[in-house]
Amino acid sequence: MDDSTSDLMGIGAFGRRVGLAPSALRFYDDCRVLLPAHVDPVTGYRSYSPDQQPRATLLRGLREAGLALTDVVAVLDGTPEEARAVLERHHVAVREARRATDAALGAALEGLPPGPGGTEFTLGGAELASAARQVAPAAGRDPAHPVLGRVLVEFDRDEVRFVATDRYRISLRTLRPRAATGPPGRLLIDADTLVALGTWTARAAEVTLVARPGGATLTVRHPGGTREVPVAGGTFPAYRDVLAGLPAPAHRVVVERVRLIAALDACGDSSAVALELGRDRLLVALPDGTPAPIEPAAVREDREPVRIGFDPAVLGAALEAGVGPDVLLEFSEVTGPVLVRSADQGSFTTLVMPVALPPGHPTPPRTSA
């Protein structure tokens, strides 16, 4: 072998390095997708160069992802724009197929009689504690509506959702289980009980929860011990219908969470505070008429200011439950709720209903945008 072929590998060695069988390499040679660097004119043996490894590895990955060979060629040899279009189209198709598969399997699982062990899922202890602290403040305290004092826990193989509402706000935190077995389900836990459970699990690396069909308790265990948490009764409000019915947000603004909380705290015992969202600004009208400007990074669809009233205690509690230095506020209309999201943790969301501003409520003076 001369110097020009001294670094070449035989088809077997190259195949082991890139994860492709020799038969696959011969097939891709015949298809003109991955040509050998050298073919012995006498024996017909194929040899490959180390420089071909990235192409071969990408080829294998694309085929494992289910791309047709014509689409693989477009990604390997087309322009970046053509490759992106092919990959995005395939990603959408895969996602839709996964949804259809999940729906079919979920329906089949729900149609089966529940197993004796119920559903078991594992969460991080700190994550569970964080979810409890975030959603519990939104639970109601009205004895006339005891179900509102409970937190809904929904679970399936992909997500565990903690939901609380007092009819003025809805808080939702979503966690991804580290492991899960069994059919999907839902149960209610008293909000204070969930907070106490979070305190108990906070230092555990992992916490396993076992929900048995028709069980009166939720079994929670970690290396420090096991607890049986009472499961409450009642019918939780249809929070999904509320969230699904929200129009697309017309206005989004990111603000410093601490500054907005401080402005709301300055409202004292006032039952209503006006927030005015303008281009690149957010003004809070204090009860004495003093404006509290906050410099946000705002995204607006129009230049007309939006002015909405909120109970400062309710909105402030939603902000307190967030994490990180910033918070994302999404408004759809002046009579609709605001979605409060932790800007660096999109899995936690609180919906806060607006309130009517009393007549004569001070309006913050407007400045040029």
Protein backbone atom coordinates (compact mmCIF):
# COMPACT_ATOMS: atom_id res chain seq x y z
CA MET A 1 0.00 0.00 0.00
CA ASP A 2 1.53 3.36 -1.03
CA ASP A 3 1.66 6.55 1.06
CA SER A 4 -1.63 7.79 -0.38
CA THR A 5 -3.48 4.83 1.10
CA SER A 6 -1.46 4.22 4.27
CA ASP A 7 -4.11 5.78 6.54
CA LEU A 8 -7.04 3.96 4.99
CA MET A 9 -9.11 1.38 6.86
CA GLY A 10 -10.69 -1.74 5.52
CA ILE A 11 -14.47 -1.95 5.36
CA GLY A 12 -14.69 -4.01 8.55
CA ALA A 13 -12.49 -1.71 10.64
CA PHE A 14 -14.20 1.41 9.34
CA GLY A 15 -17.63 -0.09 9.94
CA ARG A 16 -16.79 -0.89 13.56
CA ARG A 17 -15.57 2.66 14.10
CA VAL A 18 -18.69 4.35 12.72
CA GLY A 19 -21.28 1.75 13.76
CA LEU A 20 -22.22 0.51 10.30
CA ALA A 21 -22.13 -3.10 9.13
CA PRO A 22 -20.03 -3.92 6.04
CA SER A 23 -23.22 -4.82 4.20
CA ALA A 24 -24.61 -1.34 4.97
CA LEU A 25 -21.41 0.31 3.73
CA ARG A 26 -21.59 -1.68 0.50
CA PHE A 27 -25.23 -0.65 0.10
CA TYR A 28 -24.41 3.06 0.62
CA ASP A 29 -21.57 2.70 -1.89
CA ASP A 30 -23.95 1.24 -4.46
CA CYS A 31 -26.38 4.10 -3.77
CA ARG A 32 -23.55 6.64 -4.22
CA VAL A 33 -24.20 8.05 -0.74
CA LEU A 34 -20.92 7.04 0.93
CA LEU A 35 -18.26 6.13 -1.59
CA PRO A 36 -15.07 4.39 -0.44
CA ALA A 37 -11.92 6.46 -0.52
CA HIS A 38 -10.21 3.68 -2.46
CA VAL A 39 -11.22 0.47 -4.24
CA ASP A 40 -8.54 -2.07 -5.05
CA PRO A 41 -8.73 -2.57 -8.83
CA VAL A 42 -7.77 -6.23 -8.53
CA THR A 43 -9.65 -7.50 -5.46
CA GLY A 44 -12.44 -4.94 -5.34
CA TYR A 45 -11.79 -4.41 -1.61
CA ARG A 46 -13.13 -1.09 -0.34
CA SER A 47 -11.09 1.17 1.95
CA TYR A 48 -12.17 4.28 3.84
CA SER A 49 -10.41 7.38 5.10
CA PRO A 50 -10.63 8.75 8.68
CA ASP A 51 -11.92 11.98 7.13
CA GLN A 52 -15.09 10.09 6.14
CA GLN A 53 -16.05 9.27 9.73
CA PRO A 54 -18.17 12.40 10.36
CA ARG A 55 -20.22 11.80 7.21
CA ALA A 56 -20.67 8.12 8.00
CA THR A 57 -21.66 8.84 11.60
CA LEU A 58 -24.19 11.47 10.53
CA LEU A 59 -25.52 9.09 7.87
CA ARG A 60 -26.06 6.38 10.48
CA GLY A 61 -27.77 8.80 12.87
CA LEU A 62 -30.13 10.12 10.21
CA ARG A 63 -31.10 6.62 9.16
CA GLU A 64 -31.68 5.61 12.79
CA ALA A 65 -33.93 8.67 13.09
CA GLY A 66 -36.05 7.26 10.29
CA LEU A 67 -35.13 9.57 7.41
CA ALA A 68 -35.64 8.24 3.91
CA LEU A 69 -32.44 7.89 1.91
CA THR A 70 -33.41 10.74 -0.42
CA ASP A 71 -33.83 13.01 2.61
CA VAL A 72 -30.49 11.83 4.01
CA VAL A 73 -28.81 12.85 0.76
CA ALA A 74 -30.46 16.28 0.96
CA VAL A 75 -29.05 16.77 4.45
CA LEU A 76 -25.58 15.46 3.60
CA ASP A 77 -25.13 17.19 0.25
CA GLY A 78 -27.70 19.98 0.09
CA THR A 79 -27.45 23.57 1.20
CA PRO A 80 -27.92 24.41 4.90
CA GLU A 81 -31.37 25.77 4.05
CA GLU A 82 -32.37 22.54 2.28
CA ALA A 83 -31.02 20.43 5.13
CA ARG A 84 -32.89 22.49 7.72
CA ALA A 85 -36.15 22.21 5.80
CA VAL A 86 -35.81 18.42 5.54
CA LEU A 87 -34.97 17.99 9.22
CA GLU A 88 -37.75 20.28 10.43
CA ARG A 89 -40.31 18.50 8.24
CA HIS A 90 -39.18 15.11 9.53
CA HIS A 91 -39.19 16.38 13.13
CA VAL A 92 -42.82 17.44 12.78
CA ALA A 93 -43.77 14.09 11.27
CA VAL A 94 -42.03 12.17 14.06
CA ARG A 95 -43.67 14.31 16.74
CA GLU A 96 -47.12 13.78 15.27
CA ALA A 97 -46.52 10.05 15.00
CA ARG A 98 -45.35 9.97 18.64
CA ARG A 99 -48.48 11.79 19.76
CA ALA A 100 -50.67 9.32 17.90
CA THR A 101 -48.75 6.41 19.40
CA ASP A 102 -48.95 7.85 22.91
CA ALA A 103 -52.69 8.44 22.55
CA ALA A 104 -53.30 4.89 21.33
CA LEU A 105 -51.16 3.30 24.03
CA GLY A 106 -52.64 5.56 26.71
CA ALA A 107 -56.17 4.61 25.70
CA ALA A 108 -55.23 0.94 25.74
CA LEU A 109 -53.62 1.23 29.19
CA GLU A 110 -56.63 3.06 30.62
CA GLY A 111 -58.89 0.33 29.27
CA LEU A 112 -57.01 -2.37 31.18
CA PRO A 113 -57.97 -3.27 34.73
CA PRO A 114 -55.57 -1.59 37.17
CA GLY A 115 -52.68 -3.68 38.39
CA PRO A 116 -52.24 -4.49 42.05
CA GLY A 117 -49.21 -2.24 42.39
CA GLY A 118 -50.83 0.88 40.95
CA THR A 119 -48.61 3.58 39.49
CA GLU A 120 -45.10 4.29 40.69
CA PHE A 121 -43.02 7.31 39.75
CA THR A 122 -39.75 8.78 40.96
CA LEU A 123 -38.98 12.48 41.40
CA GLY A 124 -36.08 14.47 42.76
CA GLY A 125 -36.66 15.37 46.40
CA ALA A 126 -35.73 19.03 45.90
CA GLU A 127 -37.98 19.22 42.82
CA LEU A 128 -40.94 17.88 44.77
CA ALA A 129 -40.31 20.35 47.59
CA SER A 130 -40.04 23.21 45.11
CA ALA A 131 -43.29 22.25 43.37
CA ALA A 132 -45.11 22.09 46.71
CA ARG A 133 -43.85 25.53 47.77
CA GLN A 134 -44.76 27.06 44.42
CA VAL A 135 -48.31 25.81 43.94
CA ALA A 136 -49.59 25.60 47.54
CA PRO A 137 -49.98 29.39 47.97
CA ALA A 138 -52.60 29.34 45.20
CA ALA A 139 -54.80 26.88 47.11
CA GLY A 140 -58.01 28.29 48.55
CA ARG A 141 -58.72 28.80 52.25
CA ASP A 142 -62.51 29.08 52.11
CA PRO A 143 -64.11 26.38 54.33
CA ALA A 144 -67.18 26.53 52.10
CA HIS A 145 -65.09 25.14 49.22
CA PRO A 146 -62.75 22.57 50.78
CA VAL A 147 -61.70 21.07 47.44
CA LEU A 148 -59.96 24.35 46.61
CA GLY A 149 -57.69 23.81 49.58
CA ARG A 150 -56.25 20.75 47.89
CA VAL A 151 -53.57 20.30 45.26
CA LEU A 152 -54.32 18.18 42.21
CA VAL A 153 -51.55 15.74 41.35
CA GLU A 154 -51.78 14.33 37.81
CA PHE A 155 -49.29 11.78 36.60
CA ASP A 156 -48.40 9.75 33.55
CA ARG A 157 -45.21 8.30 32.12
CA ASP A 158 -43.95 11.67 30.87
CA GLU A 159 -45.14 14.28 33.37
CA VAL A 160 -46.25 14.89 36.93
CA ARG A 161 -48.37 18.04 37.28
CA PHE A 162 -49.17 19.87 40.51
CA VAL A 163 -52.12 22.26 40.26
CA ALA A 164 -53.79 24.56 42.79
CA THR A 165 -56.44 27.27 42.47
CA ASP A 166 -58.50 29.57 44.65
CA ARG A 167 -60.62 30.76 41.69
CA TYR A 168 -58.60 33.98 41.44
CA ARG A 169 -55.44 32.30 40.26
CA ILE A 170 -54.21 28.94 39.03
CA SER A 171 -50.68 27.69 39.69
CA LEU A 172 -49.26 24.81 37.67
CA ARG A 173 -45.85 23.17 38.07
CA THR A 174 -44.78 20.35 35.78
CA LEU A 175 -42.04 17.85 36.61
CA ARG A 176 -40.58 15.08 34.47
CA PRO A 177 -40.35 11.82 36.41
CA ARG A 178 -36.99 10.11 36.43
CA ALA A 179 -38.83 6.79 36.16
CA ALA A 180 -42.50 5.85 35.91
CA THR A 181 -44.52 2.66 35.60
CA GLY A 182 -48.24 2.03 35.57
CA PRO A 183 -51.31 3.76 34.14
CA PRO A 184 -51.92 7.53 34.31
CA GLY A 185 -54.03 8.92 37.13
CA ARG A 186 -54.84 11.83 39.40
CA LEU A 187 -55.38 12.43 43.10
CA LEU A 188 -55.92 15.28 45.55
CA ILE A 189 -53.70 16.13 48.50
CA ASP A 190 -54.34 18.80 51.13
CA ALA A 191 -52.12 21.79 50.33
CA ASP A 192 -50.59 22.02 53.81
CA THR A 193 -49.94 18.27 53.78
CA LEU A 194 -48.13 18.59 50.45
CA VAL A 195 -45.92 21.39 51.79
CA ALA A 196 -45.03 19.28 54.84
CA LEU A 197 -44.25 16.37 52.52
CA GLY A 198 -41.97 18.61 50.46
CA THR A 199 -40.10 19.64 53.60
CA TRP A 200 -39.57 15.96 54.46
CA THR A 201 -38.31 15.07 50.96
CA ALA A 202 -36.23 18.18 50.22
CA ARG A 203 -32.87 16.64 51.11
CA ALA A 204 -33.48 13.31 49.39
CA ALA A 205 -31.83 12.73 46.02
CA GLU A 206 -34.81 10.70 44.84
CA VAL A 207 -38.33 10.14 46.11
CA THR A 208 -40.63 7.35 44.96
CA LEU A 209 -44.39 7.82 45.05
CA VAL A 210 -46.84 4.93 44.71
CA ALA A 211 -50.51 5.59 43.92
CA ARG A 212 -52.77 2.56 44.18
CA PRO A 213 -56.18 2.38 42.49
CA GLY A 214 -58.85 3.58 44.91
CA GLY A 215 -56.27 3.92 47.65
CA ALA A 216 -56.85 6.19 50.61
CA THR A 217 -53.18 7.11 50.81
CA LEU A 218 -50.22 7.91 48.60
CA THR A 219 -47.11 5.99 49.62
CA VAL A 220 -43.97 8.13 49.60
CA ARG A 221 -40.57 6.67 50.32
CA HIS A 222 -36.92 7.63 50.18
CA PRO A 223 -33.79 6.41 52.00
CA GLY A 224 -34.90 8.27 55.12
CA GLY A 225 -38.14 6.33 55.51
CA THR A 226 -41.69 5.87 54.25
CA ARG A 227 -44.85 7.93 54.74
CA GLU A 228 -48.50 7.34 53.91
CA VAL A 229 -50.00 10.64 52.72
CA PRO A 230 -53.81 10.91 52.94
CA VAL A 231 -55.61 11.23 49.61
CA ALA A 232 -58.52 13.68 49.74
CA GLY A 233 -61.84 13.47 47.94
CA GLY A 234 -63.73 15.93 45.78
CA THR A 235 -63.85 17.08 42.18
CA PHE A 236 -61.13 19.52 41.23
CA PRO A 237 -62.06 22.39 38.88
CA ALA A 238 -61.45 21.76 35.18
CA TYR A 239 -58.29 23.84 35.02
CA ARG A 240 -57.32 22.48 31.60
CA ASP A 241 -60.46 23.99 30.06
CA VAL A 242 -59.57 27.36 31.55
CA LEU A 243 -56.01 27.29 30.20
CA ALA A 244 -57.08 25.94 26.81
CA GLY A 245 -59.65 28.71 26.50
CA LEU A 246 -57.12 31.50 26.86
CA PRO A 247 -56.52 33.50 23.70
CA ALA A 248 -53.00 33.79 22.37
CA PRO A 249 -51.05 36.44 24.29
CA ALA A 250 -50.98 39.80 22.55
CA HIS A 251 -48.40 41.35 24.86
CA ARG A 252 -45.35 39.90 26.59
CA VAL A 253 -43.00 41.64 28.98
CA VAL A 254 -40.02 40.45 31.01
CA VAL A 255 -39.33 42.40 34.21
CA GLU A 256 -37.14 42.10 37.27
CA ARG A 257 -39.18 40.05 39.69
CA VAL A 258 -37.86 41.73 42.86
CA ARG A 259 -38.56 45.25 41.56
CA LEU A 260 -42.13 44.40 40.61
CA ILE A 261 -42.72 42.75 44.00
CA ALA A 262 -41.35 45.86 45.73
CA ALA A 263 -43.70 48.10 43.74
CA LEU A 264 -46.68 45.93 44.72
CA ASP A 265 -45.59 45.90 48.36
CA ALA A 266 -45.64 49.70 48.29
CA CYS A 267 -49.39 49.53 47.63
CA GLY A 268 -49.99 48.58 51.26
CA ASP A 269 -53.51 47.34 51.93
CA SER A 270 -54.91 48.62 48.65
CA SER A 271 -57.32 46.17 47.02
CA ALA A 272 -56.37 47.13 43.48
CA VAL A 273 -53.32 48.29 41.62
CA ALA A 274 -53.08 49.39 38.00
CA LEU A 275 -50.38 48.03 35.74
CA GLU A 276 -49.81 49.93 32.54
CA LEU A 277 -47.77 48.23 29.88
CA GLY A 278 -46.27 50.47 27.23
CA ARG A 279 -43.53 49.96 24.72
CA ASP A 280 -40.37 49.10 26.66
CA ARG A 281 -41.86 50.08 30.01
CA LEU A 282 -44.12 48.90 32.78
CA LEU A 283 -45.71 51.41 35.15
CA VAL A 284 -47.33 50.54 38.47
CA ALA A 285 -49.80 53.17 39.70
CA LEU A 286 -49.41 53.41 43.48
CA PRO A 287 -52.50 54.39 45.53
CA ASP A 288 -51.25 57.97 45.97
CA GLY A 289 -50.89 58.37 42.21
CA THR A 290 -47.11 58.02 42.22
CA PRO A 291 -45.92 55.97 39.25
CA ALA A 292 -43.42 53.20 39.88
CA PRO A 293 -41.67 52.70 36.54
CA ILE A 294 -39.92 49.42 35.77
CA GLU A 295 -37.63 49.13 32.79
CA PRO A 296 -38.61 45.90 31.03
CA ALA A 297 -37.64 44.23 27.80
CA ALA A 298 -41.08 44.32 26.22
CA VAL A 299 -42.48 42.77 23.05
CA ARG A 300 -45.60 44.52 21.84
CA GLU A 301 -47.88 44.21 18.84
CA ASP A 302 -49.12 47.80 19.01
CA ARG A 303 -48.18 51.10 20.61
CA GLU A 304 -51.35 51.74 22.57
CA PRO A 305 -50.77 51.26 26.32
CA VAL A 306 -52.56 48.44 28.09
CA ARG A 307 -53.89 49.19 31.59
CA ILE A 308 -55.11 46.33 33.79
CA GLY A 309 -56.10 46.15 37.44
CA PHE A 310 -54.94 43.46 39.86
CA ASP A 311 -55.17 42.67 43.52
CA PRO A 312 -51.58 43.43 44.59
CA ALA A 313 -51.61 40.70 47.25
CA VAL A 314 -52.68 38.02 44.75
CA LEU A 315 -50.29 39.14 42.02
CA GLY A 316 -47.49 39.56 44.54
CA ALA A 317 -47.96 36.01 45.83
CA ALA A 318 -47.72 34.69 42.26
CA LEU A 319 -44.46 36.54 41.80
CA GLU A 320 -43.10 35.33 45.12
CA ALA A 321 -43.69 31.72 44.06
CA GLY A 322 -41.51 32.14 40.98
CA VAL A 323 -37.79 31.51 40.73
CA GLY A 324 -34.93 33.43 39.20
CA PRO A 325 -34.34 37.16 38.86
CA ASP A 326 -36.82 37.73 36.03
CA VAL A 327 -40.47 37.00 35.39
CA LEU A 328 -42.40 36.79 32.13
CA LEU A 329 -45.89 38.34 32.03
CA GLU A 330 -48.25 37.46 29.18
CA PHE A 331 -51.40 39.52 28.58
CA SER A 332 -54.13 38.75 26.09
CA GLU A 333 -56.68 41.49 26.76
CA VAL A 334 -57.48 44.08 29.41
CA THR A 335 -60.34 42.01 30.82
CA GLY A 336 -58.45 38.74 30.79
CA PRO A 337 -55.97 37.15 33.19
CA VAL A 338 -52.22 37.47 33.09
CA LEU A 339 -49.97 34.43 32.84
CA VAL A 340 -46.99 34.73 35.15
CA ARG A 341 -44.06 32.51 34.23
CA SER A 342 -40.62 32.18 35.73
CA ALA A 343 -38.53 33.44 32.84
CA ASP A 344 -35.86 30.79 33.39
CA GLN A 345 -38.23 27.96 34.37
CA GLY A 346 -41.05 27.64 31.91
CA SER A 347 -42.48 24.62 33.72
CA PHE A 348 -44.01 26.86 36.43
CA THR A 349 -47.00 28.99 35.47
CA THR A 350 -49.51 31.01 37.46
CA LEU A 351 -52.67 32.50 36.00
CA VAL A 352 -53.90 35.60 37.87
CA MET A 353 -57.35 37.07 37.28
CA PRO A 354 -57.68 40.85 36.94
CA VAL A 355 -59.90 43.03 39.12
CA ALA A 356 -61.97 46.09 38.28
CA LEU A 357 -60.24 49.34 39.13
CA PRO A 358 -62.38 51.58 41.36
CA PRO A 359 -63.61 54.89 39.94
CA GLY A 360 -61.01 57.58 40.25
CA HIS A 361 -58.13 55.17 40.59
CA PRO A 362 -55.00 57.16 39.76
CA THR A 363 -53.57 56.76 36.30
CA PRO A 364 -49.79 56.90 35.99
CA PRO A 365 -48.62 59.83 33.89
CA ARG A 366 -47.53 58.78 30.46
CA THR A 367 -44.15 59.53 29.06
CA SER A 368 -42.92 59.29 25.51
CA ALA A 369 -42.18 55.72 24.41
